[in-house]
């Protein structure tokens, strides 16, 4: 089995040269089709790479195991994070996109593994939209995230993620040198239209800055 075969996935080629690649990471119970419509709303014409998580929790796909609500199996998280990072690299070679074009768009469990990839294998993600994310793990030293741009979109009344946890995630990413925008939505754990609007503005800014640096 190759690194690309580790994840069942969908690949939607970009419709224009120079379009970004959205790495779509679903929440618990989703699959490789779950966020394709969101990706199209966020950036029409972008390439979309959408893997399915390999862990089943009572039949619901996830990207890594947890021991309880909000309590992660850190050994499994490390292993699954490495697998996903290797998958992204293999996919870039197979489908012909640059890792510099990859923006991870993750929701809930998908946002958490995207955060884990940022903290441990940041070279495979250029930017990230983290929707309802929490701290995946506490790094022993600050990651090297200079030049990374990250949006964290959080729900003010989210019963699953404490405000302090959201703030801590933003702080960890900033300590590593990332440019972090923390947006609070009048929402619970589910997504609302304000998440989409905020993410679209963020992606417009990310792509504009990428063009300016060329």
N, C-alpha and C. Protein backbone atom coordinates (compact mmCIF):
# COMPACT_ATOMS: atom_id res chain seq x y z
N UNK A 1 0.85 -1.21 0.00
CA UNK A 1 0.00 0.00 0.00
C UNK A 1 0.88 1.25 0.00
N UNK A 2 0.59 2.17 -0.91
CA UNK A 2 1.33 3.43 -0.95
C UNK A 2 0.71 4.44 0.01
N UNK A 3 1.43 5.55 0.22
CA UNK A 3 0.92 6.61 1.10
C UNK A 3 -0.39 7.17 0.58
N UNK A 4 -0.57 7.18 -0.75
CA UNK A 4 -1.81 7.70 -1.33
C UNK A 4 -2.98 6.77 -1.06
N UNK A 5 -2.69 5.47 -0.93
CA UNK A 5 -3.76 4.49 -0.72
C UNK A 5 -4.27 4.44 0.71
N UNK A 6 -3.59 5.12 1.62
CA UNK A 6 -3.98 5.05 3.03
C UNK A 6 -5.38 5.60 3.25
N UNK A 7 -5.75 6.64 2.48
CA UNK A 7 -7.06 7.26 2.64
C UNK A 7 -7.92 7.08 1.39
N UNK A 8 -9.12 6.54 1.56
CA UNK A 8 -10.13 6.70 0.52
C UNK A 8 -10.34 8.20 0.34
N UNK A 9 -10.38 8.68 -0.90
CA UNK A 9 -10.45 10.13 -1.07
C UNK A 9 -11.08 10.50 -2.40
N UNK A 10 -11.44 11.77 -2.50
CA UNK A 10 -11.89 12.38 -3.75
C UNK A 10 -10.88 13.44 -4.16
N UNK A 11 -10.61 13.50 -5.45
CA UNK A 11 -9.79 14.57 -6.00
C UNK A 11 -10.59 15.26 -7.08
N UNK A 12 -10.80 16.56 -6.90
CA UNK A 12 -11.49 17.39 -7.90
C UNK A 12 -10.45 18.34 -8.47
N UNK A 13 -10.07 18.19 -9.73
CA UNK A 13 -9.03 19.05 -10.30
C UNK A 13 -9.48 20.51 -10.34
N UNK A 14 -8.53 21.43 -10.26
CA UNK A 14 -8.87 22.85 -10.37
C UNK A 14 -9.35 23.17 -11.78
N UNK A 15 -10.17 24.20 -11.86
CA UNK A 15 -10.71 24.58 -13.17
C UNK A 15 -9.90 25.69 -13.84
N UNK A 16 -8.83 26.14 -13.18
CA UNK A 16 -8.00 27.19 -13.77
C UNK A 16 -6.58 27.03 -13.26
N UNK A 17 -5.62 27.42 -14.09
CA UNK A 17 -4.23 27.41 -13.66
C UNK A 17 -4.02 28.38 -12.50
N UNK A 18 -3.21 27.98 -11.55
CA UNK A 18 -2.92 28.85 -10.42
C UNK A 18 -3.95 28.83 -9.31
N UNK A 19 -4.99 27.99 -9.45
CA UNK A 19 -6.00 27.90 -8.39
C UNK A 19 -5.41 27.17 -7.18
N UNK A 20 -5.87 27.49 -5.99
CA UNK A 20 -5.37 26.81 -4.79
C UNK A 20 -5.92 25.39 -4.70
N UNK A 21 -5.37 24.63 -3.79
CA UNK A 21 -5.87 23.30 -3.49
C UNK A 21 -6.44 23.31 -2.07
N UNK A 22 -7.72 23.00 -1.95
CA UNK A 22 -8.35 22.92 -0.64
C UNK A 22 -8.28 21.48 -0.14
N UNK A 23 -7.66 21.29 1.01
CA UNK A 23 -7.64 20.00 1.68
C UNK A 23 -8.83 19.95 2.61
N UNK A 24 -9.85 19.18 2.26
CA UNK A 24 -11.12 19.18 2.98
C UNK A 24 -11.14 18.03 3.98
N UNK A 25 -11.27 18.36 5.27
CA UNK A 25 -11.19 17.39 6.35
C UNK A 25 -12.50 17.41 7.15
N UNK A 26 -13.25 16.34 7.01
CA UNK A 26 -14.61 16.28 7.56
C UNK A 26 -14.62 16.11 9.08
N UNK A 27 -15.79 16.32 9.66
CA UNK A 27 -15.99 16.06 11.08
C UNK A 27 -16.41 14.62 11.32
N UNK A 28 -16.61 14.28 12.59
CA UNK A 28 -17.02 12.92 12.94
C UNK A 28 -18.31 12.53 12.22
N UNK A 29 -18.28 11.37 11.56
CA UNK A 29 -19.46 10.90 10.84
C UNK A 29 -19.52 11.32 9.40
N UNK A 30 -18.58 12.16 8.96
CA UNK A 30 -18.55 12.58 7.57
C UNK A 30 -17.76 11.60 6.72
N UNK A 31 -17.56 11.96 5.46
CA UNK A 31 -16.74 11.14 4.58
C UNK A 31 -16.11 12.04 3.52
N UNK A 32 -15.54 11.43 2.50
CA UNK A 32 -14.80 12.18 1.48
C UNK A 32 -15.69 13.08 0.62
N UNK A 33 -16.99 12.90 0.71
CA UNK A 33 -17.92 13.74 -0.06
C UNK A 33 -18.49 14.90 0.76
N UNK A 34 -18.28 14.85 2.05
CA UNK A 34 -19.02 15.69 2.99
C UNK A 34 -18.81 17.19 2.78
N UNK A 35 -17.57 17.60 2.51
CA UNK A 35 -17.26 19.03 2.47
C UNK A 35 -17.02 19.57 1.06
N UNK A 36 -17.31 18.75 0.04
CA UNK A 36 -17.07 19.22 -1.33
C UNK A 36 -17.91 20.46 -1.66
N UNK A 37 -19.16 20.46 -1.22
CA UNK A 37 -20.00 21.63 -1.51
C UNK A 37 -19.50 22.86 -0.76
N UNK A 38 -19.01 22.67 0.46
CA UNK A 38 -18.43 23.78 1.21
C UNK A 38 -17.20 24.32 0.48
N UNK A 39 -16.35 23.42 0.01
CA UNK A 39 -15.18 23.86 -0.73
C UNK A 39 -15.53 24.69 -1.95
N UNK A 40 -16.57 24.26 -2.66
CA UNK A 40 -16.99 25.02 -3.85
C UNK A 40 -17.55 26.38 -3.46
N UNK A 41 -18.22 26.46 -2.33
CA UNK A 41 -18.72 27.76 -1.86
C UNK A 41 -17.57 28.68 -1.45
N UNK A 42 -16.55 28.10 -0.83
CA UNK A 42 -15.45 28.93 -0.33
C UNK A 42 -14.56 29.43 -1.46
N UNK A 43 -14.29 28.57 -2.44
CA UNK A 43 -13.39 28.97 -3.52
C UNK A 43 -13.77 28.25 -4.79
N UNK A 44 -14.74 28.79 -5.54
CA UNK A 44 -15.16 28.13 -6.78
C UNK A 44 -13.98 27.92 -7.72
N UNK A 45 -13.87 26.72 -8.26
CA UNK A 45 -12.82 26.42 -9.21
C UNK A 45 -11.53 25.93 -8.60
N UNK A 46 -11.45 25.89 -7.27
CA UNK A 46 -10.24 25.40 -6.63
C UNK A 46 -10.12 23.89 -6.81
N UNK A 47 -8.89 23.38 -6.76
CA UNK A 47 -8.71 21.95 -6.64
C UNK A 47 -9.15 21.52 -5.25
N UNK A 48 -9.71 20.33 -5.14
CA UNK A 48 -10.18 19.85 -3.84
C UNK A 48 -9.70 18.42 -3.61
N UNK A 49 -8.99 18.24 -2.50
CA UNK A 49 -8.53 16.92 -2.07
C UNK A 49 -9.26 16.61 -0.77
N UNK A 50 -10.07 15.56 -0.80
CA UNK A 50 -10.95 15.27 0.34
C UNK A 50 -10.80 13.82 0.77
N UNK A 51 -9.99 13.55 1.82
CA UNK A 51 -9.82 12.19 2.30
C UNK A 51 -10.87 11.81 3.34
N UNK A 52 -11.08 10.52 3.48
CA UNK A 52 -11.96 10.00 4.54
C UNK A 52 -11.10 9.54 5.72
N UNK A 53 -11.53 9.89 6.94
CA UNK A 53 -10.83 9.42 8.12
C UNK A 53 -10.91 7.91 8.24
N UNK A 54 -9.84 7.33 8.79
CA UNK A 54 -9.72 5.87 8.83
C UNK A 54 -10.15 5.24 10.14
N UNK A 55 -10.52 6.04 11.12
CA UNK A 55 -10.95 5.51 12.41
C UNK A 55 -12.47 5.48 12.45
N UNK A 56 -13.03 4.39 12.96
CA UNK A 56 -14.47 4.30 13.12
C UNK A 56 -14.82 4.35 14.61
N UNK A 57 -15.72 5.26 14.94
CA UNK A 57 -16.24 5.37 16.31
C UNK A 57 -17.73 5.07 16.25
N UNK A 58 -18.10 3.86 16.67
CA UNK A 58 -19.49 3.39 16.56
C UNK A 58 -19.99 3.54 15.11
N UNK A 59 -19.12 3.23 14.17
CA UNK A 59 -19.47 3.29 12.76
C UNK A 59 -19.28 4.64 12.10
N UNK A 60 -18.90 5.66 12.87
CA UNK A 60 -18.74 7.02 12.33
C UNK A 60 -17.27 7.28 12.02
N UNK A 61 -16.92 7.61 10.77
CA UNK A 61 -15.52 7.88 10.43
C UNK A 61 -14.97 9.11 11.18
N UNK A 62 -13.73 8.96 11.62
CA UNK A 62 -12.96 10.04 12.23
C UNK A 62 -11.52 9.94 11.74
N UNK A 63 -10.75 11.00 12.01
CA UNK A 63 -9.35 10.98 11.60
C UNK A 63 -8.42 10.42 12.66
N UNK A 64 -8.85 10.36 13.92
CA UNK A 64 -8.05 9.75 14.97
C UNK A 64 -8.96 9.37 16.13
N UNK A 65 -8.45 8.48 16.98
CA UNK A 65 -9.24 7.98 18.10
C UNK A 65 -9.31 9.01 19.23
N UNK A 66 -10.38 8.92 20.00
CA UNK A 66 -10.46 9.68 21.24
C UNK A 66 -10.88 8.73 22.35
N UNK A 67 -10.49 9.06 23.55
CA UNK A 67 -10.79 8.23 24.71
C UNK A 67 -12.12 8.64 25.35
N UNK A 68 -12.48 9.90 25.18
CA UNK A 68 -13.75 10.45 25.66
C UNK A 68 -13.95 11.77 24.93
N UNK A 69 -15.09 12.41 25.13
CA UNK A 69 -15.35 13.71 24.49
C UNK A 69 -14.26 14.69 24.88
N UNK A 70 -13.51 15.17 23.90
CA UNK A 70 -12.45 16.14 24.15
C UNK A 70 -11.17 15.56 24.71
N UNK A 71 -11.08 14.22 24.85
CA UNK A 71 -9.88 13.57 25.37
C UNK A 71 -9.32 12.68 24.26
N UNK A 72 -8.19 13.08 23.70
CA UNK A 72 -7.67 12.41 22.51
C UNK A 72 -6.68 11.31 22.87
N UNK A 73 -6.67 10.27 22.04
CA UNK A 73 -5.65 9.22 22.12
C UNK A 73 -4.41 9.78 21.42
N UNK A 74 -3.45 10.29 22.18
CA UNK A 74 -2.33 11.03 21.59
C UNK A 74 -1.41 10.14 20.76
N UNK A 75 -1.26 8.88 21.15
CA UNK A 75 -0.44 7.98 20.34
C UNK A 75 -1.08 7.78 18.97
N UNK A 76 -2.39 7.58 18.95
CA UNK A 76 -3.08 7.41 17.68
C UNK A 76 -3.07 8.70 16.89
N UNK A 77 -3.22 9.83 17.56
CA UNK A 77 -3.18 11.13 16.89
C UNK A 77 -1.84 11.32 16.17
N UNK A 78 -0.75 11.00 16.84
CA UNK A 78 0.57 11.15 16.21
C UNK A 78 0.69 10.27 14.96
N UNK A 79 0.24 9.03 15.08
CA UNK A 79 0.36 8.12 13.94
C UNK A 79 -0.52 8.57 12.78
N UNK A 80 -1.76 8.94 13.08
CA UNK A 80 -2.68 9.36 12.01
C UNK A 80 -2.25 10.67 11.38
N UNK A 81 -1.66 11.55 12.18
CA UNK A 81 -1.16 12.82 11.64
C UNK A 81 -0.04 12.58 10.65
N UNK A 82 0.88 11.69 11.00
CA UNK A 82 1.99 11.36 10.10
C UNK A 82 1.46 10.73 8.81
N UNK A 83 0.47 9.84 8.94
CA UNK A 83 -0.12 9.21 7.76
C UNK A 83 -0.77 10.24 6.85
N UNK A 84 -1.50 11.19 7.45
CA UNK A 84 -2.17 12.20 6.65
C UNK A 84 -1.16 13.11 5.96
N UNK A 85 -0.11 13.50 6.67
CA UNK A 85 0.91 14.35 6.05
C UNK A 85 1.58 13.64 4.89
N UNK A 86 1.87 12.35 5.04
CA UNK A 86 2.46 11.58 3.95
C UNK A 86 1.48 11.45 2.78
N UNK A 87 0.20 11.30 3.11
CA UNK A 87 -0.84 11.23 2.07
C UNK A 87 -0.89 12.53 1.27
N UNK A 88 -0.84 13.67 1.95
CA UNK A 88 -0.88 14.96 1.24
C UNK A 88 0.31 15.09 0.30
N UNK A 89 1.48 14.70 0.77
CA UNK A 89 2.67 14.76 -0.08
C UNK A 89 2.53 13.86 -1.29
N UNK A 90 2.05 12.64 -1.07
CA UNK A 90 1.86 11.70 -2.19
C UNK A 90 0.82 12.21 -3.17
N UNK A 91 -0.25 12.81 -2.65
CA UNK A 91 -1.29 13.35 -3.51
C UNK A 91 -0.77 14.51 -4.36
N UNK A 92 0.10 15.33 -3.79
CA UNK A 92 0.65 16.45 -4.56
C UNK A 92 1.47 15.94 -5.74
N UNK A 93 2.17 14.83 -5.53
CA UNK A 93 2.96 14.24 -6.62
C UNK A 93 2.06 13.57 -7.66
N UNK A 94 1.03 12.90 -7.17
CA UNK A 94 0.13 12.18 -8.09
C UNK A 94 -0.73 13.13 -8.92
N UNK A 95 -1.26 14.17 -8.28
CA UNK A 95 -2.23 15.05 -8.95
C UNK A 95 -1.62 16.36 -9.44
N UNK A 96 -0.36 16.59 -9.12
CA UNK A 96 0.34 17.71 -9.72
C UNK A 96 0.06 19.07 -9.12
N UNK A 97 -0.20 19.14 -7.83
CA UNK A 97 -0.36 20.46 -7.19
C UNK A 97 0.80 20.71 -6.24
N UNK A 98 1.08 21.98 -5.99
CA UNK A 98 2.17 22.37 -5.10
C UNK A 98 1.69 22.39 -3.65
N UNK A 99 2.54 21.93 -2.75
CA UNK A 99 2.21 22.03 -1.32
C UNK A 99 2.05 23.48 -0.90
N UNK A 100 2.70 24.39 -1.61
CA UNK A 100 2.57 25.82 -1.29
C UNK A 100 1.18 26.35 -1.59
N UNK A 101 0.37 25.57 -2.32
CA UNK A 101 -0.99 26.02 -2.66
C UNK A 101 -2.05 25.43 -1.74
N UNK A 102 -1.65 24.59 -0.78
CA UNK A 102 -2.62 23.82 0.00
C UNK A 102 -3.17 24.64 1.16
N UNK A 103 -4.47 24.77 1.19
CA UNK A 103 -5.18 25.35 2.34
C UNK A 103 -6.05 24.27 2.95
N UNK A 104 -5.76 23.90 4.17
CA UNK A 104 -6.59 22.92 4.88
C UNK A 104 -7.87 23.59 5.35
N UNK A 105 -9.00 22.97 5.06
CA UNK A 105 -10.29 23.42 5.55
C UNK A 105 -10.87 22.28 6.36
N UNK A 106 -10.83 22.40 7.67
CA UNK A 106 -11.27 21.31 8.53
C UNK A 106 -12.39 21.73 9.45
N UNK A 107 -13.31 20.82 9.66
CA UNK A 107 -14.43 21.05 10.58
C UNK A 107 -14.36 20.07 11.73
N UNK A 108 -14.39 20.55 12.96
CA UNK A 108 -14.46 19.73 14.17
C UNK A 108 -13.30 18.74 14.21
N UNK A 109 -13.55 17.44 14.14
CA UNK A 109 -12.46 16.47 14.14
C UNK A 109 -11.46 16.73 13.02
N UNK A 110 -11.96 17.13 11.86
CA UNK A 110 -11.08 17.47 10.75
C UNK A 110 -10.23 18.70 11.03
N UNK A 111 -10.80 19.68 11.73
CA UNK A 111 -10.03 20.86 12.11
C UNK A 111 -8.95 20.49 13.11
N UNK A 112 -9.26 19.54 13.99
CA UNK A 112 -8.28 19.15 15.01
C UNK A 112 -7.08 18.43 14.40
N UNK A 113 -7.33 17.56 13.42
CA UNK A 113 -6.16 16.92 12.81
C UNK A 113 -5.42 17.89 11.90
N UNK A 114 -6.11 18.86 11.32
CA UNK A 114 -5.41 19.89 10.55
C UNK A 114 -4.49 20.68 11.47
N UNK A 115 -4.97 20.99 12.68
CA UNK A 115 -4.12 21.67 13.66
C UNK A 115 -2.92 20.82 14.04
N UNK A 116 -3.14 19.51 14.18
CA UNK A 116 -2.04 18.61 14.51
C UNK A 116 -1.00 18.57 13.40
N UNK A 117 -1.44 18.57 12.14
CA UNK A 117 -0.51 18.60 11.02
C UNK A 117 0.28 19.91 11.03
N UNK A 118 -0.39 21.02 11.29
CA UNK A 118 0.30 22.31 11.37
C UNK A 118 1.41 22.29 12.44
N UNK A 119 1.12 21.67 13.57
CA UNK A 119 2.06 21.68 14.68
C UNK A 119 3.22 20.70 14.48
N UNK A 120 3.01 19.64 13.70
CA UNK A 120 4.03 18.60 13.60
C UNK A 120 4.63 18.43 12.20
N UNK A 121 3.85 18.73 11.15
CA UNK A 121 4.34 18.60 9.77
C UNK A 121 3.90 19.81 8.95
N UNK A 122 4.29 21.01 9.37
CA UNK A 122 3.75 22.23 8.75
C UNK A 122 4.13 22.42 7.29
N UNK A 123 5.12 21.67 6.81
CA UNK A 123 5.56 21.86 5.43
C UNK A 123 4.53 21.41 4.40
N UNK A 124 3.52 20.65 4.82
CA UNK A 124 2.55 20.13 3.83
C UNK A 124 1.29 20.99 3.75
N UNK A 125 1.19 22.05 4.56
CA UNK A 125 0.03 22.94 4.55
C UNK A 125 0.52 24.38 4.52
N UNK A 126 0.00 25.16 3.59
CA UNK A 126 0.41 26.56 3.49
C UNK A 126 -0.45 27.48 4.35
N UNK A 127 -1.75 27.15 4.46
CA UNK A 127 -2.68 27.96 5.25
C UNK A 127 -3.80 27.04 5.73
N UNK A 128 -4.65 27.56 6.62
CA UNK A 128 -5.69 26.70 7.17
C UNK A 128 -6.90 27.49 7.61
N UNK A 129 -8.06 26.89 7.40
CA UNK A 129 -9.33 27.38 7.94
C UNK A 129 -9.79 26.31 8.93
N UNK A 130 -9.75 26.64 10.21
CA UNK A 130 -10.09 25.69 11.27
C UNK A 130 -11.45 26.06 11.84
N UNK A 131 -12.44 25.23 11.56
CA UNK A 131 -13.81 25.49 11.96
C UNK A 131 -14.15 24.62 13.16
N UNK A 132 -14.36 25.26 14.31
CA UNK A 132 -14.69 24.57 15.57
C UNK A 132 -13.55 23.64 15.99
N UNK A 133 -12.37 24.24 16.15
CA UNK A 133 -11.17 23.48 16.50
C UNK A 133 -10.83 23.66 17.97
N UNK A 134 -10.09 22.66 18.50
CA UNK A 134 -9.52 22.77 19.83
C UNK A 134 -8.04 22.38 19.75
N UNK A 135 -7.31 22.53 20.84
CA UNK A 135 -5.90 22.19 20.87
C UNK A 135 -5.75 20.68 20.67
N UNK A 136 -5.06 20.22 19.61
CA UNK A 136 -4.90 18.78 19.43
C UNK A 136 -3.93 18.17 20.42
N UNK A 137 -2.84 18.89 20.69
CA UNK A 137 -1.87 18.48 21.71
C UNK A 137 -1.02 19.69 22.05
N UNK A 138 -0.39 19.66 23.21
CA UNK A 138 0.49 20.75 23.62
C UNK A 138 1.91 20.44 23.15
N UNK A 139 2.44 21.21 22.21
CA UNK A 139 3.80 20.93 21.73
C UNK A 139 4.83 21.24 22.82
N UNK A 140 5.92 20.48 22.80
CA UNK A 140 6.98 20.69 23.78
C UNK A 140 7.81 21.92 23.45
N UNK A 141 7.81 22.32 22.19
CA UNK A 141 8.47 23.55 21.77
C UNK A 141 7.65 24.18 20.66
N UNK A 142 7.86 25.48 20.47
CA UNK A 142 7.06 26.20 19.47
C UNK A 142 7.33 25.65 18.08
N UNK A 143 6.27 25.40 17.30
CA UNK A 143 6.46 24.93 15.93
C UNK A 143 6.99 26.06 15.05
N UNK A 144 7.48 25.70 13.89
CA UNK A 144 8.00 26.68 12.94
C UNK A 144 6.92 27.00 11.92
N UNK A 145 6.18 28.08 12.18
CA UNK A 145 5.00 28.40 11.36
C UNK A 145 5.11 29.76 10.68
N UNK A 146 6.31 30.27 10.55
CA UNK A 146 6.48 31.56 9.88
C UNK A 146 5.91 31.53 8.46
N UNK A 147 5.12 32.52 8.11
CA UNK A 147 4.51 32.60 6.80
C UNK A 147 3.17 31.91 6.67
N UNK A 148 2.78 31.12 7.69
CA UNK A 148 1.48 30.44 7.64
C UNK A 148 0.37 31.42 8.05
N UNK A 149 -0.76 31.31 7.38
CA UNK A 149 -1.93 32.11 7.73
C UNK A 149 -3.05 31.16 8.13
N UNK A 150 -3.66 31.44 9.28
CA UNK A 150 -4.65 30.53 9.84
C UNK A 150 -5.88 31.32 10.29
N UNK A 151 -7.04 30.83 9.91
CA UNK A 151 -8.31 31.33 10.43
C UNK A 151 -8.89 30.29 11.38
N UNK A 152 -9.23 30.72 12.60
CA UNK A 152 -9.98 29.88 13.53
C UNK A 152 -11.36 30.50 13.67
N UNK A 153 -12.38 29.78 13.26
CA UNK A 153 -13.75 30.27 13.37
C UNK A 153 -14.46 29.45 14.44
N UNK A 154 -14.83 30.12 15.53
CA UNK A 154 -15.33 29.44 16.72
C UNK A 154 -16.75 29.89 17.03
N UNK A 155 -17.52 29.02 17.68
CA UNK A 155 -18.87 29.35 18.11
C UNK A 155 -18.90 29.85 19.55
N UNK A 156 -19.52 31.00 19.75
CA UNK A 156 -19.57 31.56 21.11
C UNK A 156 -20.29 30.64 22.09
N UNK A 157 -21.27 29.89 21.62
CA UNK A 157 -22.05 29.03 22.51
C UNK A 157 -21.79 27.55 22.23
N UNK A 158 -20.60 27.24 21.73
CA UNK A 158 -20.24 25.86 21.44
C UNK A 158 -20.12 25.08 22.75
N UNK A 159 -20.95 24.05 22.97
CA UNK A 159 -20.88 23.30 24.23
C UNK A 159 -19.71 22.33 24.29
N UNK A 160 -19.04 22.10 23.16
CA UNK A 160 -17.97 21.10 23.12
C UNK A 160 -16.58 21.70 23.28
N UNK A 161 -16.45 23.00 23.04
CA UNK A 161 -15.12 23.63 23.06
C UNK A 161 -15.17 24.87 23.94
N UNK A 162 -14.38 24.84 25.00
CA UNK A 162 -14.32 26.00 25.91
C UNK A 162 -13.61 27.16 25.22
N UNK A 163 -14.02 28.38 25.55
CA UNK A 163 -13.38 29.56 24.97
C UNK A 163 -11.88 29.55 25.25
N UNK A 164 -11.50 29.13 26.45
CA UNK A 164 -10.08 29.12 26.81
C UNK A 164 -9.29 28.19 25.91
N UNK A 165 -9.90 27.07 25.49
CA UNK A 165 -9.22 26.15 24.59
C UNK A 165 -9.00 26.75 23.22
N UNK A 166 -10.00 27.48 22.73
CA UNK A 166 -9.87 28.16 21.45
C UNK A 166 -8.76 29.21 21.51
N UNK A 167 -8.77 30.00 22.57
CA UNK A 167 -7.75 31.03 22.74
C UNK A 167 -6.35 30.41 22.84
N UNK A 168 -6.26 29.26 23.52
CA UNK A 168 -4.97 28.60 23.66
C UNK A 168 -4.45 28.12 22.31
N UNK A 169 -5.33 27.57 21.48
CA UNK A 169 -4.91 27.14 20.15
C UNK A 169 -4.36 28.32 19.35
N UNK A 170 -5.06 29.44 19.38
CA UNK A 170 -4.58 30.63 18.67
C UNK A 170 -3.22 31.06 19.20
N UNK A 171 -3.04 30.99 20.52
CA UNK A 171 -1.77 31.41 21.12
C UNK A 171 -0.63 30.49 20.69
N UNK A 172 -0.87 29.17 20.67
CA UNK A 172 0.17 28.22 20.26
C UNK A 172 0.61 28.50 18.83
N UNK A 173 -0.35 28.72 17.94
CA UNK A 173 -0.02 28.98 16.54
C UNK A 173 0.73 30.30 16.38
N UNK A 174 0.34 31.30 17.13
CA UNK A 174 1.04 32.59 17.07
C UNK A 174 2.45 32.47 17.62
N UNK A 175 2.62 31.70 18.68
CA UNK A 175 3.96 31.49 19.24
C UNK A 175 4.90 30.87 18.21
N UNK A 176 4.32 30.08 17.30
CA UNK A 176 5.12 29.47 16.24
C UNK A 176 5.37 30.39 15.06
N UNK A 177 4.80 31.58 15.08
CA UNK A 177 5.03 32.55 14.01
C UNK A 177 3.92 32.66 13.00
N UNK A 178 2.82 31.92 13.18
CA UNK A 178 1.71 32.00 12.23
C UNK A 178 0.94 33.31 12.43
N UNK A 179 0.36 33.78 11.33
CA UNK A 179 -0.57 34.92 11.39
C UNK A 179 -1.96 34.34 11.59
N UNK A 180 -2.56 34.60 12.75
CA UNK A 180 -3.80 33.93 13.13
C UNK A 180 -4.93 34.94 13.27
N UNK A 181 -6.04 34.65 12.61
CA UNK A 181 -7.28 35.41 12.78
C UNK A 181 -8.24 34.53 13.57
N UNK A 182 -8.71 35.04 14.70
CA UNK A 182 -9.69 34.32 15.52
C UNK A 182 -11.03 35.03 15.38
N UNK A 183 -12.00 34.35 14.79
CA UNK A 183 -13.32 34.94 14.55
C UNK A 183 -14.36 34.20 15.40
N UNK A 184 -15.09 34.94 16.20
CA UNK A 184 -16.15 34.36 17.03
C UNK A 184 -17.50 34.55 16.34
N UNK A 185 -18.21 33.46 16.19
CA UNK A 185 -19.53 33.50 15.54
C UNK A 185 -20.63 33.31 16.59
N UNK A 186 -21.76 33.92 16.34
CA UNK A 186 -22.94 33.70 17.20
C UNK A 186 -23.54 32.36 16.81
N UNK A 187 -22.92 31.29 17.30
CA UNK A 187 -23.29 29.95 16.87
C UNK A 187 -22.88 28.94 17.92
N UNK A 188 -23.37 27.72 17.75
CA UNK A 188 -23.00 26.59 18.60
C UNK A 188 -21.88 25.82 17.87
N UNK A 189 -21.93 24.48 17.89
CA UNK A 189 -20.88 23.71 17.23
C UNK A 189 -21.12 23.59 15.73
N UNK A 190 -22.35 23.72 15.30
CA UNK A 190 -22.65 23.65 13.87
C UNK A 190 -22.22 24.91 13.15
N UNK A 191 -22.02 24.77 11.85
CA UNK A 191 -21.59 25.91 11.04
C UNK A 191 -22.77 26.80 10.68
N UNK A 192 -22.49 28.08 10.50
CA UNK A 192 -23.49 29.07 10.10
C UNK A 192 -22.95 29.85 8.90
N UNK A 193 -23.82 30.64 8.31
CA UNK A 193 -23.42 31.40 7.12
C UNK A 193 -22.25 32.34 7.42
N UNK A 194 -22.18 32.85 8.64
CA UNK A 194 -21.07 33.75 8.98
C UNK A 194 -19.72 33.05 8.89
N UNK A 195 -19.68 31.74 9.18
CA UNK A 195 -18.43 30.99 9.01
C UNK A 195 -17.99 31.02 7.56
N UNK A 196 -18.93 30.82 6.66
CA UNK A 196 -18.61 30.78 5.23
C UNK A 196 -18.15 32.15 4.75
N UNK A 197 -18.87 33.19 5.16
CA UNK A 197 -18.47 34.54 4.74
C UNK A 197 -17.07 34.88 5.24
N UNK A 198 -16.81 34.57 6.51
CA UNK A 198 -15.51 34.87 7.10
C UNK A 198 -14.40 34.11 6.40
N UNK A 199 -14.66 32.84 6.10
CA UNK A 199 -13.65 32.01 5.44
C UNK A 199 -13.37 32.49 4.02
N UNK A 200 -14.41 32.93 3.32
CA UNK A 200 -14.20 33.42 1.96
C UNK A 200 -13.33 34.67 1.95
N UNK A 201 -13.59 35.58 2.86
CA UNK A 201 -12.77 36.80 2.95
C UNK A 201 -11.33 36.42 3.29
N UNK A 202 -11.16 35.49 4.21
CA UNK A 202 -9.82 35.04 4.61
C UNK A 202 -9.09 34.45 3.41
N UNK A 203 -9.75 33.56 2.66
CA UNK A 203 -9.11 32.93 1.51
C UNK A 203 -8.76 33.95 0.44
N UNK A 204 -9.62 34.92 0.22
CA UNK A 204 -9.31 35.99 -0.73
C UNK A 204 -8.01 36.70 -0.33
N UNK A 205 -7.88 36.97 0.96
CA UNK A 205 -6.68 37.66 1.46
C UNK A 205 -5.44 36.77 1.33
N UNK A 206 -5.58 35.49 1.67
CA UNK A 206 -4.46 34.57 1.55
C UNK A 206 -3.97 34.49 0.12
N UNK A 207 -4.89 34.34 -0.82
CA UNK A 207 -4.49 34.21 -2.23
C UNK A 207 -3.93 35.50 -2.78
N UNK A 208 -4.45 36.64 -2.32
CA UNK A 208 -3.90 37.91 -2.77
C UNK A 208 -2.46 38.09 -2.28
N UNK A 209 -2.21 37.71 -1.04
CA UNK A 209 -0.86 37.84 -0.51
C UNK A 209 0.10 36.87 -1.20
N UNK A 210 -0.40 35.69 -1.57
CA UNK A 210 0.44 34.73 -2.28
C UNK A 210 0.84 35.27 -3.65
N UNK A 211 -0.10 35.93 -4.35
CA UNK A 211 0.22 36.52 -5.65
C UNK A 211 1.22 37.66 -5.52
N UNK A 212 1.08 38.46 -4.44
CA UNK A 212 1.99 39.58 -4.23
C UNK A 212 3.41 39.11 -3.99
N UNK A 213 3.55 37.90 -3.41
CA UNK A 213 4.89 37.40 -3.10
C UNK A 213 5.56 36.69 -4.27
N UNK A 214 4.81 36.47 -5.36
CA UNK A 214 5.38 35.77 -6.52
C UNK A 214 6.40 36.65 -7.25
